[in-house]
N, C-alpha and C. Protein backbone atom coordinates (compact mmCIF):
# COMPACT_ATOMS: atom_id res chain seq x y z
N UNK A 1 96.04 68.80 88.02
CA UNK A 1 95.79 69.16 89.41
C UNK A 1 95.30 70.59 89.49
N UNK A 2 94.27 70.84 90.29
CA UNK A 2 93.71 72.17 90.42
C UNK A 2 94.58 73.07 91.28
N UNK A 3 94.25 74.37 91.26
CA UNK A 3 95.03 75.35 92.01
C UNK A 3 94.10 76.26 92.81
N UNK A 4 94.70 76.91 93.81
CA UNK A 4 94.02 77.92 94.59
C UNK A 4 94.72 79.25 94.37
N UNK A 5 93.94 80.33 94.30
CA UNK A 5 94.48 81.65 94.03
C UNK A 5 94.22 82.57 95.21
N UNK A 6 95.27 83.23 95.68
CA UNK A 6 95.14 84.22 96.74
C UNK A 6 95.55 85.59 96.23
N UNK A 7 94.76 86.61 96.55
CA UNK A 7 95.04 87.98 96.09
C UNK A 7 94.98 88.92 97.29
N UNK A 8 96.06 89.67 97.48
CA UNK A 8 96.15 90.65 98.56
C UNK A 8 96.29 92.03 97.92
N UNK A 9 95.25 92.84 98.03
CA UNK A 9 95.27 94.17 97.41
C UNK A 9 95.38 95.22 98.50
N UNK A 10 96.55 95.86 98.58
CA UNK A 10 96.77 96.89 99.57
C UNK A 10 96.89 98.26 98.94
N UNK A 11 97.15 99.26 99.77
CA UNK A 11 97.24 100.63 99.28
C UNK A 11 98.50 100.86 98.45
N UNK A 12 99.56 100.11 98.75
CA UNK A 12 100.83 100.28 98.02
C UNK A 12 101.05 99.16 97.02
N UNK A 13 100.79 97.92 97.42
CA UNK A 13 101.08 96.79 96.54
C UNK A 13 99.91 95.84 96.42
N UNK A 14 99.93 95.08 95.32
CA UNK A 14 98.98 94.00 95.09
C UNK A 14 99.79 92.73 94.90
N UNK A 15 99.48 91.71 95.68
CA UNK A 15 100.26 90.48 95.68
C UNK A 15 99.37 89.29 95.33
N UNK A 16 99.88 88.42 94.50
CA UNK A 16 99.14 87.23 94.11
C UNK A 16 99.96 85.98 94.39
N UNK A 17 99.27 84.91 94.74
CA UNK A 17 99.93 83.62 94.94
C UNK A 17 99.02 82.52 94.41
N UNK A 18 99.62 81.57 93.73
CA UNK A 18 98.89 80.41 93.22
C UNK A 18 99.50 79.17 93.87
N UNK A 19 98.66 78.36 94.48
CA UNK A 19 99.11 77.16 95.18
C UNK A 19 98.42 75.92 94.62
N UNK A 20 99.15 74.81 94.65
CA UNK A 20 98.55 73.54 94.30
C UNK A 20 97.72 73.04 95.47
N UNK A 21 96.99 71.98 95.24
CA UNK A 21 96.15 71.40 96.29
C UNK A 21 96.98 70.92 97.48
N UNK A 22 98.23 70.52 97.22
CA UNK A 22 99.08 70.04 98.30
C UNK A 22 99.82 71.17 99.01
N UNK A 23 99.55 72.43 98.62
CA UNK A 23 100.15 73.57 99.28
C UNK A 23 101.40 74.10 98.63
N UNK A 24 101.91 73.42 97.61
CA UNK A 24 103.11 73.91 96.93
C UNK A 24 102.81 75.21 96.19
N UNK A 25 103.69 76.19 96.37
CA UNK A 25 103.51 77.49 95.72
C UNK A 25 104.01 77.41 94.28
N UNK A 26 103.13 77.70 93.34
CA UNK A 26 103.49 77.64 91.92
C UNK A 26 103.85 79.01 91.36
N UNK A 27 103.29 80.06 91.95
CA UNK A 27 103.49 81.39 91.38
C UNK A 27 103.24 82.44 92.45
N UNK A 28 104.09 83.47 92.47
CA UNK A 28 103.84 84.65 93.30
C UNK A 28 104.24 85.88 92.51
N UNK A 29 103.61 86.99 92.82
CA UNK A 29 104.00 88.23 92.15
C UNK A 29 103.64 89.42 93.04
N UNK A 30 104.44 90.46 92.89
CA UNK A 30 104.27 91.71 93.64
C UNK A 30 104.15 92.84 92.63
N UNK A 31 103.03 93.55 92.67
CA UNK A 31 102.82 94.66 91.75
C UNK A 31 102.45 95.90 92.56
N UNK A 32 102.77 97.05 92.00
CA UNK A 32 102.36 98.31 92.63
C UNK A 32 100.89 98.57 92.32
N UNK A 33 100.13 98.90 93.36
CA UNK A 33 98.71 99.19 93.16
C UNK A 33 98.52 100.53 92.45
N UNK A 34 99.30 101.52 92.84
CA UNK A 34 99.28 102.85 92.21
C UNK A 34 97.88 103.44 92.12
N UNK A 35 97.08 103.23 93.15
CA UNK A 35 95.75 103.83 93.20
C UNK A 35 94.74 103.21 92.26
N UNK A 36 95.10 102.12 91.60
CA UNK A 36 94.19 101.49 90.63
C UNK A 36 94.15 99.99 90.87
N UNK A 37 93.41 99.54 91.89
CA UNK A 37 93.39 98.11 92.20
C UNK A 37 92.82 97.25 91.08
N UNK A 38 91.91 97.80 90.29
CA UNK A 38 91.35 97.02 89.18
C UNK A 38 92.45 96.64 88.18
N UNK A 39 93.27 97.63 87.82
CA UNK A 39 94.35 97.36 86.87
C UNK A 39 95.37 96.40 87.47
N UNK A 40 95.71 96.61 88.75
CA UNK A 40 96.71 95.77 89.40
C UNK A 40 96.26 94.31 89.43
N UNK A 41 95.01 94.08 89.78
CA UNK A 41 94.48 92.71 89.82
C UNK A 41 94.47 92.11 88.42
N UNK A 42 94.03 92.89 87.44
CA UNK A 42 93.98 92.41 86.06
C UNK A 42 95.37 92.03 85.55
N UNK A 43 96.35 92.91 85.82
CA UNK A 43 97.73 92.63 85.39
C UNK A 43 98.27 91.39 86.10
N UNK A 44 97.97 91.27 87.38
CA UNK A 44 98.45 90.12 88.14
C UNK A 44 97.87 88.81 87.63
N UNK A 45 96.59 88.82 87.31
CA UNK A 45 95.96 87.61 86.79
C UNK A 45 96.55 87.21 85.43
N UNK A 46 96.84 88.22 84.61
CA UNK A 46 97.45 87.94 83.30
C UNK A 46 98.83 87.31 83.47
N UNK A 47 99.61 87.84 84.40
CA UNK A 47 100.94 87.29 84.66
C UNK A 47 100.86 85.87 85.22
N UNK A 48 99.90 85.66 86.11
CA UNK A 48 99.74 84.32 86.69
C UNK A 48 99.36 83.32 85.61
N UNK A 49 98.44 83.71 84.73
CA UNK A 49 98.00 82.81 83.67
C UNK A 49 99.12 82.43 82.73
N UNK A 50 99.93 83.41 82.34
CA UNK A 50 101.03 83.13 81.42
C UNK A 50 102.13 82.33 82.09
N UNK A 51 102.34 82.56 83.38
CA UNK A 51 103.41 81.86 84.10
C UNK A 51 103.09 80.38 84.29
N UNK A 52 101.82 80.06 84.50
CA UNK A 52 101.45 78.66 84.75
C UNK A 52 101.52 77.81 83.48
N UNK A 53 101.52 78.48 82.33
CA UNK A 53 101.77 77.78 81.06
C UNK A 53 100.83 76.60 80.85
N UNK A 54 99.57 76.89 80.84
CA UNK A 54 98.60 75.83 80.60
C UNK A 54 97.36 76.01 81.46
N UNK A 55 96.28 75.42 81.03
CA UNK A 55 95.03 75.57 81.77
C UNK A 55 95.02 74.65 82.99
N UNK A 56 94.65 75.23 84.12
CA UNK A 56 94.48 74.47 85.35
C UNK A 56 93.17 74.90 85.99
N UNK A 57 92.38 73.98 86.46
CA UNK A 57 91.13 74.37 87.11
C UNK A 57 91.40 75.13 88.41
N UNK A 58 90.75 76.26 88.57
CA UNK A 58 90.88 77.05 89.80
C UNK A 58 89.82 76.56 90.78
N UNK A 59 90.28 75.98 91.88
CA UNK A 59 89.37 75.37 92.85
C UNK A 59 88.81 76.36 93.85
N UNK A 60 89.52 77.47 94.02
CA UNK A 60 89.05 78.47 94.98
C UNK A 60 89.87 79.74 94.89
N UNK A 61 89.22 80.87 95.18
CA UNK A 61 89.89 82.17 95.16
C UNK A 61 89.58 82.90 96.46
N UNK A 62 90.61 83.47 97.07
CA UNK A 62 90.43 84.24 98.30
C UNK A 62 91.10 85.60 98.15
N UNK A 63 90.52 86.62 98.77
CA UNK A 63 91.10 87.96 98.73
C UNK A 63 91.27 88.50 100.14
N UNK A 64 92.27 89.36 100.30
CA UNK A 64 92.50 90.07 101.55
C UNK A 64 93.10 91.42 101.22
N UNK A 65 93.43 92.20 102.24
CA UNK A 65 93.98 93.53 102.02
C UNK A 65 92.92 94.61 102.17
N UNK A 66 93.35 95.85 102.11
CA UNK A 66 92.42 96.97 102.31
C UNK A 66 91.36 97.04 101.23
N UNK A 67 91.66 96.52 100.03
CA UNK A 67 90.67 96.51 98.94
C UNK A 67 90.13 95.10 98.70
N UNK A 68 90.08 94.30 99.75
CA UNK A 68 89.69 92.89 99.61
C UNK A 68 88.27 92.72 99.08
N UNK A 69 87.35 93.56 99.52
CA UNK A 69 85.96 93.40 99.08
C UNK A 69 85.83 93.76 97.60
N UNK A 70 86.48 94.84 97.20
CA UNK A 70 86.45 95.23 95.79
C UNK A 70 87.08 94.15 94.93
N UNK A 71 88.24 93.66 95.37
CA UNK A 71 88.91 92.60 94.61
C UNK A 71 88.06 91.33 94.59
N UNK A 72 87.38 91.07 95.69
CA UNK A 72 86.53 89.89 95.75
C UNK A 72 85.41 89.93 94.73
N UNK A 73 84.84 91.11 94.54
CA UNK A 73 83.79 91.27 93.53
C UNK A 73 84.37 91.10 92.13
N UNK A 74 85.56 91.66 91.91
CA UNK A 74 86.19 91.59 90.58
C UNK A 74 86.42 90.15 90.14
N UNK A 75 86.89 89.32 91.07
CA UNK A 75 87.29 87.96 90.68
C UNK A 75 86.27 86.90 91.10
N UNK A 76 85.18 87.32 91.74
CA UNK A 76 84.20 86.35 92.20
C UNK A 76 84.77 85.45 93.28
N UNK A 77 85.40 86.06 94.28
CA UNK A 77 86.10 85.30 95.32
C UNK A 77 85.16 84.40 96.12
N UNK A 78 85.69 83.26 96.50
CA UNK A 78 84.95 82.34 97.37
C UNK A 78 85.10 82.72 98.83
N UNK A 79 86.19 83.45 99.13
CA UNK A 79 86.50 83.79 100.51
C UNK A 79 87.11 85.18 100.56
N UNK A 80 86.61 86.01 101.47
CA UNK A 80 87.15 87.35 101.67
C UNK A 80 87.46 87.50 103.16
N UNK A 81 88.75 87.71 103.48
CA UNK A 81 89.16 87.77 104.88
C UNK A 81 89.98 89.03 105.15
N UNK A 82 89.86 89.58 106.36
CA UNK A 82 90.67 90.74 106.71
C UNK A 82 92.12 90.33 106.92
N UNK A 83 93.00 91.33 107.00
CA UNK A 83 94.43 91.05 107.09
C UNK A 83 94.82 90.36 108.39
N UNK A 84 94.11 90.66 109.47
CA UNK A 84 94.44 90.05 110.76
C UNK A 84 94.33 88.53 110.65
N UNK A 85 93.21 88.06 110.13
CA UNK A 85 92.98 86.62 109.99
C UNK A 85 93.95 86.02 108.97
N UNK A 86 94.17 86.73 107.86
CA UNK A 86 95.06 86.21 106.82
C UNK A 86 96.49 86.07 107.33
N UNK A 87 96.99 87.11 107.99
CA UNK A 87 98.37 87.05 108.52
C UNK A 87 98.51 85.94 109.55
N UNK A 88 97.57 85.87 110.47
CA UNK A 88 97.66 84.88 111.54
C UNK A 88 97.58 83.46 110.98
N UNK A 89 96.67 83.23 110.06
CA UNK A 89 96.51 81.89 109.48
C UNK A 89 97.78 81.45 108.77
N UNK A 90 98.37 82.37 107.99
CA UNK A 90 99.60 82.03 107.27
C UNK A 90 100.75 81.79 108.24
N UNK A 91 100.86 82.64 109.26
CA UNK A 91 101.95 82.50 110.23
C UNK A 91 101.85 81.17 110.97
N UNK A 92 100.64 80.81 111.37
CA UNK A 92 100.44 79.55 112.10
C UNK A 92 100.75 78.35 111.21
N UNK A 93 100.40 78.46 109.93
CA UNK A 93 100.69 77.36 109.00
C UNK A 93 102.19 77.17 108.82
N UNK A 94 102.92 78.29 108.71
CA UNK A 94 104.36 78.22 108.49
C UNK A 94 105.13 77.95 109.77
N UNK A 95 104.66 78.54 110.88
CA UNK A 95 105.35 78.41 112.17
C UNK A 95 104.30 78.11 113.25
N UNK A 96 103.99 76.86 113.47
CA UNK A 96 102.93 76.49 114.41
C UNK A 96 103.12 77.03 115.82
N UNK A 97 104.37 77.33 116.21
CA UNK A 97 104.63 77.82 117.56
C UNK A 97 104.67 79.35 117.64
N UNK A 98 104.20 80.04 116.60
CA UNK A 98 104.24 81.50 116.59
C UNK A 98 103.40 82.07 117.73
N UNK A 99 103.91 83.15 118.34
CA UNK A 99 103.19 83.83 119.42
C UNK A 99 102.84 85.27 119.06
N UNK A 100 103.65 85.89 118.19
CA UNK A 100 103.43 87.29 117.84
C UNK A 100 103.70 87.52 116.36
N UNK A 101 102.81 88.26 115.72
CA UNK A 101 103.01 88.65 114.32
C UNK A 101 103.10 90.17 114.27
N UNK A 102 104.19 90.68 113.72
CA UNK A 102 104.38 92.12 113.53
C UNK A 102 104.25 92.41 112.04
N UNK A 103 103.47 93.42 111.70
CA UNK A 103 103.29 93.74 110.28
C UNK A 103 103.21 95.24 110.09
N UNK A 104 104.04 95.76 109.19
CA UNK A 104 103.98 97.17 108.83
C UNK A 104 103.57 97.24 107.36
N UNK A 105 102.34 97.60 107.13
CA UNK A 105 101.82 97.66 105.77
C UNK A 105 101.90 99.06 105.21
N UNK A 106 101.40 99.20 104.00
CA UNK A 106 101.44 100.50 103.36
C UNK A 106 100.51 101.50 104.00
N UNK A 107 99.34 101.04 104.44
CA UNK A 107 98.33 101.94 104.98
C UNK A 107 98.23 101.87 106.49
N UNK A 108 98.48 100.71 107.05
CA UNK A 108 98.40 100.57 108.51
C UNK A 108 99.39 99.52 109.00
N UNK A 109 99.59 99.53 110.31
CA UNK A 109 100.49 98.58 110.95
C UNK A 109 99.69 97.76 111.95
N UNK A 110 100.12 96.53 112.15
CA UNK A 110 99.35 95.62 113.00
C UNK A 110 100.28 94.81 113.89
N UNK A 111 99.74 94.42 115.03
CA UNK A 111 100.40 93.47 115.92
C UNK A 111 99.35 92.44 116.31
N UNK A 112 99.67 91.18 116.09
CA UNK A 112 98.72 90.10 116.37
C UNK A 112 99.31 89.18 117.42
N UNK A 113 98.54 88.94 118.47
CA UNK A 113 98.98 88.06 119.55
C UNK A 113 98.28 86.71 119.39
N UNK A 114 99.08 85.65 119.32
CA UNK A 114 98.56 84.30 119.10
C UNK A 114 99.00 83.41 120.26
N UNK A 115 98.09 82.64 120.78
CA UNK A 115 98.41 81.68 121.82
C UNK A 115 97.78 80.33 121.47
N UNK A 116 98.60 79.31 121.40
CA UNK A 116 98.13 77.96 121.09
C UNK A 116 97.35 77.91 119.79
N UNK A 117 97.85 78.66 118.79
CA UNK A 117 97.23 78.62 117.47
C UNK A 117 95.94 79.41 117.33
N UNK A 118 95.66 80.29 118.30
CA UNK A 118 94.42 81.07 118.27
C UNK A 118 94.74 82.55 118.46
N UNK A 119 94.10 83.42 117.68
CA UNK A 119 94.26 84.87 117.86
C UNK A 119 93.57 85.27 119.16
N UNK A 120 94.33 85.85 120.08
CA UNK A 120 93.74 86.27 121.35
C UNK A 120 93.70 87.79 121.50
N UNK A 121 94.48 88.49 120.68
CA UNK A 121 94.48 89.95 120.77
C UNK A 121 95.16 90.52 119.52
N UNK A 122 94.86 91.76 119.22
CA UNK A 122 95.55 92.43 118.12
C UNK A 122 95.44 93.93 118.32
N UNK A 123 96.29 94.67 117.62
CA UNK A 123 96.26 96.13 117.68
C UNK A 123 96.65 96.67 116.32
N UNK A 124 96.12 97.86 116.02
CA UNK A 124 96.45 98.54 114.77
C UNK A 124 96.81 99.98 115.07
N UNK A 125 97.52 100.61 114.13
CA UNK A 125 97.91 102.00 114.33
C UNK A 125 96.72 102.93 114.20
N UNK A 126 96.92 104.17 114.61
CA UNK A 126 95.88 105.18 114.46
C UNK A 126 95.87 105.67 113.02
N UNK A 127 95.14 106.73 112.75
CA UNK A 127 95.04 107.24 111.38
C UNK A 127 96.35 107.85 110.90
N UNK A 128 97.28 108.14 111.80
CA UNK A 128 98.55 108.74 111.40
C UNK A 128 99.37 107.75 110.57
N UNK A 129 100.03 108.24 109.52
CA UNK A 129 100.80 107.38 108.62
C UNK A 129 102.27 107.30 109.00
N UNK A 130 102.66 107.91 110.13
CA UNK A 130 104.08 107.98 110.47
C UNK A 130 104.72 106.61 110.67
N UNK A 131 103.95 105.63 111.07
CA UNK A 131 104.53 104.32 111.33
C UNK A 131 104.20 103.29 110.27
N UNK A 132 103.91 103.73 109.06
CA UNK A 132 103.50 102.79 108.02
C UNK A 132 104.48 102.75 106.86
N UNK A 133 104.31 101.73 106.02
CA UNK A 133 105.20 101.55 104.89
C UNK A 133 105.07 102.63 103.83
N UNK A 134 103.89 103.22 103.71
CA UNK A 134 103.71 104.25 102.68
C UNK A 134 104.62 105.44 102.93
N UNK A 135 104.87 105.75 104.21
CA UNK A 135 105.76 106.87 104.52
C UNK A 135 107.19 106.54 104.12
N UNK A 136 107.62 105.31 104.39
CA UNK A 136 108.94 104.88 103.94
C UNK A 136 109.03 104.95 102.42
N UNK A 137 107.96 104.52 101.77
CA UNK A 137 107.92 104.53 100.31
C UNK A 137 108.04 105.95 99.76
N UNK A 138 107.34 106.89 100.39
CA UNK A 138 107.40 108.29 99.97
C UNK A 138 108.81 108.85 100.13
N UNK A 139 109.44 108.53 101.25
CA UNK A 139 110.78 109.06 101.49
C UNK A 139 111.82 108.42 100.57
N UNK A 140 111.63 107.15 100.26
CA UNK A 140 112.52 106.49 99.31
C UNK A 140 112.43 107.17 97.95
N UNK A 141 111.21 107.48 97.53
CA UNK A 141 111.00 108.16 96.25
C UNK A 141 111.64 109.55 96.28
N UNK A 142 111.46 110.26 97.39
CA UNK A 142 112.02 111.62 97.51
C UNK A 142 113.55 111.60 97.44
N UNK A 143 114.15 110.54 97.99
CA UNK A 143 115.61 110.43 97.99
C UNK A 143 116.16 109.79 96.73
N UNK A 144 115.25 109.35 95.84
CA UNK A 144 115.70 108.72 94.60
C UNK A 144 116.26 107.33 94.79
N UNK A 145 115.74 106.63 95.80
CA UNK A 145 116.20 105.27 96.12
C UNK A 145 115.01 104.33 96.04
N UNK A 146 115.18 103.18 95.43
CA UNK A 146 114.07 102.22 95.38
C UNK A 146 113.82 101.69 96.78
N UNK A 147 112.56 101.45 97.11
CA UNK A 147 112.22 100.97 98.44
C UNK A 147 112.86 99.61 98.70
N UNK A 148 113.10 98.84 97.64
CA UNK A 148 113.74 97.53 97.80
C UNK A 148 115.18 97.66 98.30
N UNK A 149 115.81 98.81 98.04
CA UNK A 149 117.21 99.03 98.44
C UNK A 149 117.31 99.86 99.72
N UNK A 150 116.17 100.26 100.27
CA UNK A 150 116.15 101.14 101.43
C UNK A 150 116.89 100.50 102.62
N UNK A 151 116.61 99.23 102.87
CA UNK A 151 117.24 98.54 103.98
C UNK A 151 118.74 98.40 103.80
N UNK A 152 119.17 98.18 102.56
CA UNK A 152 120.61 98.06 102.29
C UNK A 152 121.33 99.37 102.63
N UNK A 153 120.70 100.49 102.28
CA UNK A 153 121.31 101.79 102.59
C UNK A 153 121.36 102.00 104.10
N UNK A 154 120.31 101.63 104.80
CA UNK A 154 120.29 101.79 106.26
C UNK A 154 121.38 100.95 106.92
N UNK A 155 121.62 99.76 106.38
CA UNK A 155 122.63 98.86 106.95
C UNK A 155 124.04 99.40 106.78
N UNK A 156 124.23 100.34 105.85
CA UNK A 156 125.55 100.92 105.60
C UNK A 156 125.86 102.09 106.54
N UNK A 157 124.88 102.46 107.37
CA UNK A 157 125.06 103.60 108.27
C UNK A 157 126.16 103.33 109.29
N UNK A 158 126.96 104.34 109.56
CA UNK A 158 128.02 104.24 110.57
C UNK A 158 127.72 105.13 111.78
N UNK A 159 126.84 106.08 111.62
CA UNK A 159 126.52 106.99 112.73
C UNK A 159 125.10 107.51 112.54
N UNK A 160 124.15 106.63 112.76
CA UNK A 160 122.75 106.98 112.49
C UNK A 160 122.30 108.16 113.33
N UNK A 161 121.48 108.99 112.72
CA UNK A 161 120.99 110.19 113.40
C UNK A 161 119.58 109.92 113.94
N UNK A 162 119.15 110.75 114.86
CA UNK A 162 117.81 110.63 115.42
C UNK A 162 116.84 111.47 114.59
N UNK A 163 115.77 110.83 114.13
CA UNK A 163 114.76 111.51 113.32
C UNK A 163 113.45 111.55 114.10
N UNK A 164 112.85 112.73 114.19
CA UNK A 164 111.53 112.85 114.83
C UNK A 164 110.54 112.02 114.03
N UNK A 165 109.88 111.07 114.69
CA UNK A 165 109.09 110.10 113.93
C UNK A 165 107.62 110.03 114.33
N UNK A 166 107.18 110.89 115.23
CA UNK A 166 105.79 110.80 115.67
C UNK A 166 104.82 111.37 114.65
N UNK A 167 105.34 112.16 113.72
CA UNK A 167 104.48 112.80 112.71
C UNK A 167 105.23 112.81 111.38
N UNK A 168 104.54 112.51 110.30
CA UNK A 168 105.19 112.46 108.99
C UNK A 168 105.74 113.83 108.59
N UNK A 169 105.01 114.88 108.91
CA UNK A 169 105.46 116.24 108.55
C UNK A 169 106.75 116.57 109.28
N UNK A 170 106.78 116.31 110.59
CA UNK A 170 107.98 116.60 111.38
C UNK A 170 109.14 115.71 110.94
N UNK A 171 108.84 114.45 110.64
CA UNK A 171 109.89 113.52 110.24
C UNK A 171 110.55 113.97 108.95
N UNK A 172 109.74 114.34 107.97
CA UNK A 172 110.31 114.77 106.69
C UNK A 172 111.11 116.06 106.86
N UNK A 173 110.59 116.99 107.65
CA UNK A 173 111.31 118.24 107.91
C UNK A 173 112.63 117.96 108.61
N UNK A 174 112.61 117.03 109.55
CA UNK A 174 113.83 116.68 110.29
C UNK A 174 114.85 116.02 109.37
N UNK A 175 114.38 115.18 108.45
CA UNK A 175 115.29 114.54 107.50
C UNK A 175 115.97 115.58 106.61
N UNK A 176 115.19 116.54 106.14
CA UNK A 176 115.75 117.60 105.29
C UNK A 176 116.76 118.43 106.09
N UNK A 177 116.42 118.72 107.35
CA UNK A 177 117.32 119.50 108.20
C UNK A 177 118.63 118.76 108.43
N UNK A 178 118.54 117.45 108.71
CA UNK A 178 119.76 116.66 108.94
C UNK A 178 120.62 116.61 107.68
N UNK A 179 119.98 116.54 106.51
CA UNK A 179 120.73 116.54 105.25
C UNK A 179 121.44 117.87 105.05
N UNK A 180 120.77 118.97 105.41
CA UNK A 180 121.38 120.29 105.28
C UNK A 180 122.57 120.46 106.21
N UNK A 181 122.55 119.72 107.32
CA UNK A 181 123.67 119.77 108.27
C UNK A 181 124.83 118.88 107.81
N UNK A 182 124.60 118.13 106.74
CA UNK A 182 125.67 117.31 106.18
C UNK A 182 125.64 115.85 106.56
N UNK A 183 124.57 115.39 107.19
CA UNK A 183 124.49 113.97 107.56
C UNK A 183 124.38 113.12 106.30
N UNK A 184 125.14 112.03 106.23
CA UNK A 184 125.06 111.14 105.06
C UNK A 184 123.66 110.54 104.91
N UNK A 185 123.28 110.28 103.67
CA UNK A 185 121.95 109.72 103.40
C UNK A 185 121.73 108.41 104.15
N UNK A 186 122.77 107.57 104.22
CA UNK A 186 122.63 106.28 104.90
C UNK A 186 122.29 106.47 106.38
N UNK A 187 122.90 107.47 107.02
CA UNK A 187 122.63 107.72 108.44
C UNK A 187 121.21 108.25 108.64
N UNK A 188 120.74 109.05 107.69
CA UNK A 188 119.38 109.59 107.78
C UNK A 188 118.36 108.47 107.59
N UNK A 189 118.61 107.59 106.62
CA UNK A 189 117.69 106.48 106.38
C UNK A 189 117.65 105.55 107.59
N UNK A 190 118.81 105.26 108.17
CA UNK A 190 118.85 104.40 109.35
C UNK A 190 118.09 105.05 110.51
N UNK A 191 118.25 106.36 110.66
CA UNK A 191 117.52 107.07 111.71
C UNK A 191 116.02 107.02 111.50
N UNK A 192 115.61 107.12 110.24
CA UNK A 192 114.18 107.04 109.93
C UNK A 192 113.63 105.65 110.26
N UNK A 193 114.38 104.62 109.90
CA UNK A 193 113.95 103.25 110.19
C UNK A 193 113.85 103.02 111.70
N UNK A 194 114.82 103.54 112.45
CA UNK A 194 114.75 103.46 113.91
C UNK A 194 113.50 104.15 114.43
N UNK A 195 113.19 105.30 113.84
CA UNK A 195 112.02 106.05 114.26
C UNK A 195 110.73 105.30 114.00
N UNK A 196 110.67 104.61 112.86
CA UNK A 196 109.49 103.81 112.53
C UNK A 196 109.29 102.71 113.58
N UNK A 197 110.40 102.08 113.98
CA UNK A 197 110.33 101.02 115.00
C UNK A 197 109.85 101.60 116.33
N UNK A 198 110.41 102.74 116.74
CA UNK A 198 109.99 103.36 118.00
C UNK A 198 108.51 103.70 117.97
N UNK A 199 108.09 104.27 116.86
CA UNK A 199 106.68 104.65 116.73
C UNK A 199 105.77 103.42 116.80
N UNK A 200 106.20 102.35 116.15
CA UNK A 200 105.42 101.10 116.15
C UNK A 200 105.29 100.55 117.57
N UNK A 201 106.40 100.46 118.28
CA UNK A 201 106.38 99.89 119.62
C UNK A 201 105.61 100.76 120.60
N UNK A 202 105.73 102.08 120.45
CA UNK A 202 105.06 103.00 121.38
C UNK A 202 103.57 103.13 121.13
N UNK A 203 103.14 102.82 119.93
CA UNK A 203 101.72 102.97 119.59
C UNK A 203 101.04 101.62 119.40
N UNK A 204 101.43 100.90 118.37
CA UNK A 204 100.79 99.61 118.09
C UNK A 204 101.12 98.59 119.18
N UNK A 205 102.37 98.60 119.64
CA UNK A 205 102.79 97.60 120.62
C UNK A 205 102.55 97.98 122.06
N UNK A 206 101.98 99.14 122.30
CA UNK A 206 101.78 99.62 123.66
C UNK A 206 100.86 98.68 124.45
N UNK A 207 101.37 98.19 125.57
CA UNK A 207 100.58 97.32 126.43
C UNK A 207 100.50 95.87 125.97
N UNK A 208 101.17 95.53 124.86
CA UNK A 208 101.13 94.17 124.35
C UNK A 208 102.41 93.41 124.73
N UNK A 209 102.27 92.13 124.99
CA UNK A 209 103.42 91.29 125.30
C UNK A 209 103.92 90.66 124.01
N UNK A 210 105.11 91.08 123.58
CA UNK A 210 105.70 90.54 122.36
C UNK A 210 106.56 89.34 122.76
N UNK A 211 106.03 88.16 122.56
CA UNK A 211 106.71 86.94 122.98
C UNK A 211 107.16 86.13 121.77
N UNK A 212 108.20 85.32 121.96
CA UNK A 212 108.68 84.43 120.91
C UNK A 212 107.69 83.29 120.74
N UNK A 213 107.57 82.71 119.51
CA UNK A 213 108.27 83.10 118.31
C UNK A 213 107.60 84.30 117.66
N UNK A 214 108.43 85.21 117.12
CA UNK A 214 107.93 86.41 116.48
C UNK A 214 108.08 86.28 114.97
N UNK A 215 107.01 86.54 114.25
CA UNK A 215 107.03 86.54 112.78
C UNK A 215 106.81 87.96 112.31
N UNK A 216 107.69 88.43 111.41
CA UNK A 216 107.57 89.80 110.89
C UNK A 216 107.26 89.75 109.41
């Protein structure tokens, strides 16, 4: 049975998925892009090939993400789609009654409004990185915590502090200041996550109706 390959190359991560013709997922992987999408795609393809344990005809390849065109050239993609279309299509397939898709990526954040299975509106953040995943990633690295554990630390907060979140420079300075005042790391992380949400709703979500069902 043949397979389909999907590749999402973003500023922070590169993700691959291999599906059978019937839609069953055979393989997924998450790799750090680290500023080198060529290497990330190459490593991902090698992992996918070894994981499938045998030759399978590839019936189609699609790419998305901020480096979708570059990745498309690398692999000879049959389909190249922007993230808005990719997110919406996947959300509708998984949850046919979806009305809103919220996405915070490494480079940008998006809100997609769907009605009756059709994209009717969307919004993206401005050039500021304050409401994006890359800022969370940077702060996790600065604190010596893996980004995968960031949410766990935030959930342990007992008295979250308020972090200025409209600007990355101010947010980082405020985090350092709160730490100097003795605030626990968990409370600072929780405050930062709250700030990211406020920034997202005030900028990306401004003027948009966030209706159920919501996919994040």
